[in-house]
């Protein structure tokens, strides 16, 4: 596995986190920021929820990275 494949996998994982719907998927399972109180934000669940919301917040840079990856894949084959 090369570095490019690792970056591509990371981008696909970030895309998967960015498209999660809060009302339909996260809220019924208790994975929203409203459900987390201050002491529980440092737990593993709190860190994962923070990662999900960070990916959703950074959708525009994610779109740009996707475009760059698509162009590079088209050029390099």
N, C-alpha and C. Protein backbone atom coordinates (compact mmCIF):
# COMPACT_ATOMS: atom_id res chain seq x y z
N UNK A 1 0.84 -1.17 0.00
CA UNK A 1 0.00 0.00 0.00
C UNK A 1 0.88 1.23 0.00
N UNK A 2 0.70 2.05 -0.99
CA UNK A 2 1.49 3.25 -1.10
C UNK A 2 0.86 4.43 -0.38
N UNK A 3 1.60 5.51 -0.36
CA UNK A 3 1.13 6.72 0.30
C UNK A 3 -0.10 7.28 -0.40
N UNK A 4 -0.13 7.22 -1.74
CA UNK A 4 -1.26 7.73 -2.49
C UNK A 4 -2.53 6.94 -2.16
N UNK A 5 -2.41 5.64 -2.03
CA UNK A 5 -3.55 4.79 -1.67
C UNK A 5 -4.04 5.11 -0.26
N UNK A 6 -3.11 5.39 0.64
CA UNK A 6 -3.47 5.78 2.00
C UNK A 6 -4.24 7.09 2.00
N UNK A 7 -3.78 8.08 1.23
CA UNK A 7 -4.49 9.36 1.13
C UNK A 7 -5.87 9.19 0.52
N UNK A 8 -5.96 8.34 -0.48
CA UNK A 8 -7.24 8.09 -1.12
C UNK A 8 -8.23 7.44 -0.15
N UNK A 9 -7.77 6.51 0.64
CA UNK A 9 -8.61 5.87 1.65
C UNK A 9 -9.06 6.86 2.71
N UNK A 10 -8.15 7.73 3.14
CA UNK A 10 -8.49 8.76 4.11
C UNK A 10 -9.55 9.70 3.55
N UNK A 11 -9.43 10.07 2.28
CA UNK A 11 -10.41 10.95 1.65
C UNK A 11 -11.77 10.27 1.56
N UNK A 12 -11.80 8.99 1.22
CA UNK A 12 -13.06 8.27 1.16
C UNK A 12 -13.71 8.16 2.54
N UNK A 13 -12.90 7.96 3.57
CA UNK A 13 -13.42 7.91 4.94
C UNK A 13 -13.99 9.26 5.36
N UNK A 14 -13.30 10.35 5.02
CA UNK A 14 -13.79 11.69 5.34
C UNK A 14 -15.09 11.98 4.60
N UNK A 15 -15.19 11.51 3.35
CA UNK A 15 -16.44 11.68 2.60
C UNK A 15 -17.58 10.94 3.28
N UNK A 16 -17.30 9.74 3.76
CA UNK A 16 -18.34 8.95 4.43
C UNK A 16 -18.83 9.64 5.70
N UNK A 17 -17.93 10.26 6.45
CA UNK A 17 -18.33 10.96 7.66
C UNK A 17 -19.08 12.25 7.34
N UNK A 18 -18.73 12.89 6.23
CA UNK A 18 -19.34 14.17 5.89
C UNK A 18 -20.78 14.04 5.44
N UNK A 19 -21.17 12.88 4.93
CA UNK A 19 -22.54 12.75 4.41
C UNK A 19 -23.52 12.18 5.42
N UNK A 20 -23.07 11.90 6.65
CA UNK A 20 -23.99 11.38 7.65
C UNK A 20 -25.02 12.44 8.01
N UNK A 21 -26.28 12.07 7.99
CA UNK A 21 -27.38 12.98 8.29
C UNK A 21 -27.64 12.98 9.79
N UNK A 22 -27.72 14.19 10.37
CA UNK A 22 -27.87 14.28 11.81
C UNK A 22 -29.24 13.79 12.28
N UNK A 23 -30.31 14.22 11.60
CA UNK A 23 -31.65 13.85 12.06
C UNK A 23 -31.97 12.38 11.81
N UNK A 24 -31.53 11.85 10.69
CA UNK A 24 -31.92 10.48 10.32
C UNK A 24 -30.98 9.42 10.87
N UNK A 25 -29.72 9.74 11.09
CA UNK A 25 -28.76 8.72 11.49
C UNK A 25 -28.15 8.97 12.86
N UNK A 26 -27.68 10.18 13.10
CA UNK A 26 -26.93 10.44 14.33
C UNK A 26 -27.83 10.63 15.55
N UNK A 27 -28.91 11.39 15.43
CA UNK A 27 -29.76 11.71 16.58
C UNK A 27 -30.43 10.47 17.19
N UNK A 28 -30.99 9.54 16.40
CA UNK A 28 -31.60 8.36 17.04
C UNK A 28 -30.61 7.50 17.83
N UNK A 29 -29.35 7.61 17.53
CA UNK A 29 -28.34 6.82 18.23
C UNK A 29 -27.64 7.59 19.35
N UNK A 30 -28.02 8.86 19.53
CA UNK A 30 -27.41 9.67 20.58
C UNK A 30 -26.02 10.16 20.24
N UNK A 31 -25.75 10.38 18.98
CA UNK A 31 -24.42 10.81 18.54
C UNK A 31 -24.42 12.26 18.07
N UNK A 32 -25.08 13.16 18.82
CA UNK A 32 -25.08 14.57 18.46
C UNK A 32 -24.30 15.35 19.52
N UNK A 33 -23.93 16.57 19.19
CA UNK A 33 -23.20 17.40 20.14
C UNK A 33 -24.10 17.81 21.30
N UNK A 34 -25.41 17.88 21.07
CA UNK A 34 -26.33 18.25 22.15
C UNK A 34 -26.37 17.17 23.23
N UNK A 35 -26.16 15.91 22.84
CA UNK A 35 -26.21 14.81 23.81
C UNK A 35 -24.95 14.72 24.66
N UNK A 36 -23.90 15.36 24.24
CA UNK A 36 -22.63 15.26 24.97
C UNK A 36 -22.51 16.40 25.97
N UNK A 37 -22.29 16.07 27.22
CA UNK A 37 -22.02 17.08 28.23
C UNK A 37 -20.51 17.29 28.32
N UNK A 38 -20.12 18.29 29.03
CA UNK A 38 -18.70 18.68 29.07
C UNK A 38 -17.75 17.57 29.53
N UNK A 39 -18.00 16.83 30.61
CA UNK A 39 -17.03 15.80 31.01
C UNK A 39 -16.93 14.64 30.02
N UNK A 40 -18.00 14.38 29.27
CA UNK A 40 -17.97 13.24 28.35
C UNK A 40 -17.41 13.60 26.98
N UNK A 41 -17.08 14.85 26.75
CA UNK A 41 -16.54 15.23 25.44
C UNK A 41 -15.13 14.72 25.21
N UNK A 42 -14.43 14.39 26.26
CA UNK A 42 -13.07 13.87 26.12
C UNK A 42 -13.03 12.37 25.98
N UNK A 43 -14.18 11.72 26.02
CA UNK A 43 -14.22 10.27 25.85
C UNK A 43 -14.03 9.91 24.38
N UNK A 44 -13.89 8.63 24.10
CA UNK A 44 -13.72 8.18 22.72
C UNK A 44 -14.95 8.54 21.88
N UNK A 45 -16.15 8.35 22.44
CA UNK A 45 -17.38 8.71 21.72
C UNK A 45 -17.42 10.21 21.43
N UNK A 46 -17.02 11.02 22.39
CA UNK A 46 -16.98 12.47 22.19
C UNK A 46 -15.99 12.87 21.11
N UNK A 47 -14.85 12.20 21.07
CA UNK A 47 -13.85 12.49 20.04
C UNK A 47 -14.35 12.11 18.65
N UNK A 48 -15.06 10.97 18.55
CA UNK A 48 -15.60 10.54 17.26
C UNK A 48 -16.68 11.50 16.80
N UNK A 49 -17.54 11.95 17.72
CA UNK A 49 -18.58 12.91 17.36
C UNK A 49 -17.94 14.21 16.89
N UNK A 50 -16.89 14.64 17.53
CA UNK A 50 -16.18 15.83 17.08
C UNK A 50 -15.58 15.66 15.70
N UNK A 51 -15.05 14.49 15.40
CA UNK A 51 -14.50 14.21 14.07
C UNK A 51 -15.59 14.24 13.02
N UNK A 52 -16.76 13.67 13.33
CA UNK A 52 -17.88 13.67 12.38
C UNK A 52 -18.30 15.10 12.07
N UNK A 53 -18.45 15.93 13.11
CA UNK A 53 -18.88 17.30 12.88
C UNK A 53 -17.79 18.14 12.20
N UNK A 54 -16.53 17.83 12.43
CA UNK A 54 -15.46 18.54 11.73
C UNK A 54 -15.48 18.22 10.24
N UNK A 55 -15.73 16.96 9.89
CA UNK A 55 -15.82 16.58 8.48
C UNK A 55 -17.02 17.24 7.82
N UNK A 56 -18.13 17.35 8.55
CA UNK A 56 -19.31 18.00 7.99
C UNK A 56 -19.09 19.50 7.84
N UNK A 57 -18.34 20.10 8.75
CA UNK A 57 -18.06 21.53 8.68
C UNK A 57 -17.13 21.86 7.52
N UNK A 58 -16.20 20.99 7.21
CA UNK A 58 -15.21 21.24 6.17
C UNK A 58 -15.59 20.59 4.84
N UNK A 59 -16.84 20.70 4.46
CA UNK A 59 -17.29 20.09 3.20
C UNK A 59 -16.68 20.75 1.97
N UNK A 60 -16.54 22.07 1.97
CA UNK A 60 -15.99 22.76 0.80
C UNK A 60 -14.55 22.34 0.51
N UNK A 61 -13.65 22.32 1.50
CA UNK A 61 -12.31 21.79 1.21
C UNK A 61 -12.33 20.32 0.79
N UNK A 62 -13.27 19.55 1.33
CA UNK A 62 -13.41 18.16 0.95
C UNK A 62 -13.80 18.02 -0.52
N UNK A 63 -14.67 18.89 -0.98
CA UNK A 63 -15.05 18.88 -2.39
C UNK A 63 -13.85 19.21 -3.26
N UNK A 64 -13.05 20.18 -2.85
CA UNK A 64 -11.85 20.55 -3.62
C UNK A 64 -10.84 19.40 -3.66
N UNK A 65 -10.64 18.71 -2.54
CA UNK A 65 -9.74 17.55 -2.53
C UNK A 65 -10.26 16.45 -3.43
N UNK A 66 -11.58 16.24 -3.45
CA UNK A 66 -12.15 15.24 -4.35
C UNK A 66 -11.88 15.59 -5.81
N UNK A 67 -12.04 16.85 -6.16
CA UNK A 67 -11.78 17.29 -7.54
C UNK A 67 -10.32 17.07 -7.90
N UNK A 68 -9.42 17.40 -6.98
CA UNK A 68 -7.99 17.21 -7.25
C UNK A 68 -7.68 15.72 -7.44
N UNK A 69 -8.23 14.87 -6.59
CA UNK A 69 -7.98 13.43 -6.71
C UNK A 69 -8.54 12.89 -8.01
N UNK A 70 -9.72 13.36 -8.43
CA UNK A 70 -10.31 12.89 -9.68
C UNK A 70 -9.45 13.30 -10.86
N UNK A 71 -8.98 14.54 -10.86
CA UNK A 71 -8.12 15.02 -11.97
C UNK A 71 -6.82 14.23 -12.04
N UNK A 72 -6.20 14.01 -10.89
CA UNK A 72 -4.94 13.26 -10.87
C UNK A 72 -5.17 11.83 -11.35
N UNK A 73 -6.28 11.21 -10.93
CA UNK A 73 -6.58 9.85 -11.39
C UNK A 73 -6.82 9.81 -12.90
N UNK A 74 -7.49 10.82 -13.44
CA UNK A 74 -7.74 10.86 -14.87
C UNK A 74 -6.44 11.04 -15.67
N UNK A 75 -5.55 11.87 -15.15
CA UNK A 75 -4.29 12.13 -15.85
C UNK A 75 -3.33 10.96 -15.74
N UNK A 76 -3.23 10.39 -14.54
CA UNK A 76 -2.24 9.33 -14.34
C UNK A 76 -2.74 7.95 -14.76
N UNK A 77 -4.01 7.80 -14.87
CA UNK A 77 -4.55 6.51 -15.34
C UNK A 77 -4.98 5.67 -14.25
